[in-house]
Structures are given as C-alpha cells and as structure tokens.
Amino acid sequence: MVGWESQSQHLRTHDLFYSAVYGECDDGLIDIGFHVAGEFTEAENKKRDARCIPSFTLYDNDNLVFVDIFEPGDVTSETIERVSNYNRLDMESVEKYLKRCEFTEDHLTNEEIENYDHLFVLTKEQYSNHQAGDATQRSNLKQLEIEGCIATISPGGELKIEKGGLHCPPIDDALQQGVSVPEKTGKYVYITRNFYRESLAVGICEGIVMNENLTESDVKLNYSDVQSHFNRSIPFEMLEEVFEYLRSINACRVKRGDDAYTFNKYNLETVLSVRKYLASRPIDEELSDDDSRDPGQNRSLEEFSK
C-alpha cells in the first residue's frame, strides 16, 4: 500500500515538472516552444502489443516528447518492462495518439511530426540512491538507461538530463544544461497515473472545493462531477470511499438518499486542513473507526493530533 507521504512526494514531483515547463525560476520549456499537450493520455501500438500512459506529453508542433514520471522507491524489473513499451511505439501510433490530445494553445496542431522521444523523470535522490545502491538497483538503472533518456528533478534544483539525449536540439540543449525549479511551487496535479484515495481526497478539497467561494455558497459534488473535473475514469468504489472519508472528518455532509455531498463554510477549516488529517491518520483507519461510530458523528482535527 502506498502511503500519503509517498503520494505527496510523487505529486510534488509532477508539480515541479510543471514549474520547469512554465519557467517559475528562469526560462522554461514553454520559452522554447514546448507545451503540455496531454496528461495521462494512453498511447498504444496494437500491432506490437504496446500500451503506455505517459504522465505528460510535451509538444512544439514538430517534436513530441512523452514524459514518464516515476513513483518514489526502487526502479523494479516491472517498472522497466512497463516503460519498454515506449520503444514499441512507431510514428503512426504516435500521430494517432496526438490526434486524441486536446490543445489549449491555438497555434498547436495535430498534423505530422518530425521526431518523437520519451523521457524518464526520477527524483535526484532516487537516481543517486540507485547509483550508490546494491547490485540489483545498479543493474536496473543500467537497464533503464538502455530503454530511454533519464532526467532528474529536485526541489530548489533543476530538471536535468543525466543519461541519454533527445532528438530535438532545443529541448535537448535546455535539459542537458538544466532548467531551474523552485523549492516550493504551485499545485497543478492531484491525480497521477495510478489512482490513490488520499491524493483524490486532496484533489477534491484543493482542486475543486477550494476553487469556489464557500463563504458565499455551498458546493455540491457527486461522483460524476469529480470524474468530469479531472477527466479521468476514477472507479466509483474509490470515489465512494473518499467521499465517506471526507464526510467522516467533517469536510462535507450528505443527506440520506442524496447522491451529492455538500461542502459549506462550516466545513472550510477541515477542507483547508485535509493534508494534515491524512498525515495524521490513514484513510483505512478512519473508515474502519467510522463504521463503529454513530452516523453523523464526525472527528475533529484535535482528535487526530492526540
């Protein structure tokens, strides 16, 4: 089971990558013409039985780079097998993928491209641990180098290529030199390649509810609203558990028989503190205890801190 601390680190890595794109410190990838053209959009080559879900897709109208941000921890043989699928894509499958991407920039088109690449992004600490690790870690890192270009990123550091290169000179030059990123950045990503309940709870509170003015009006959300907001096929069972968790900690309320959960100004403190709740107590424990409590009996943040 992946805990909230690991999930939080993984979300931060995605946010740092976005800061490198937007150039929150110095010039970003957007300044050399590259934009994020897709998030967690599946690419596949059925002829070669290849299926990939890159974290992001960078695109400048001529060149496309699939970006795969690795989860914290060891690079395993399963990880290497997963990312080897990028090498079984071809120009035809990449151009089909591009046609499914939704562009927010008017000048981008989904016509023919000149080059496509893939880039694996690890945290700097993760990469260093494998370099100095045991025989299995070093061997897996060597195998990963064969599969594609590797870059690292760290808070207050830079997004920088460690091994390999990209076909497009402007982005290759920028990443070989390194693109600076801040120690702290904005929050851009809440749902990563794999779905996790804790991240989803934060996404609902910070990505949806906090973008509304709870002091003026209530926010009502059902399962479909969340799926639509994040444009992801989140399992309904997971959504049910997450909403019940948020109800349990008094972040929202639900009337019996209603399919929508209501967030209002009286829940604002809890909504703002959802990360503290998750750091104090896993969702599994809270839901387990909630089953033994009277309906409507909610917990305060003080209870979690005891």
Foldseek 3Di string as FASTA:
>chain_A
DDAPVQLVVLLQVVQQLVCQQPQPPHDHVVVVQKDFQDAQQWFDDVVQGAIAGARTWIDRQAEIEGEHEDGDDACAPVNLVNLLSVVVDDQVRVLVSLVPTDDPDPVHDSDHYHYYFYEYEYAPVRVVCLVPDDPRSVVSVVSVLVSHWYWHDAAQAWTATDHDAGPDVVVRVDRPVTRGGHNDGDRDDQQGNDGDLLSLLLCCLPVPVVVDDQAVDKDKDAPVRSCVSVVHPDDNVSVVLSVVLCQQQQQWDDDVPDRITIGHPVNNVCSVCSSVLSVLDPSVVSVVVVVVDDPNDHHYSVVSVD
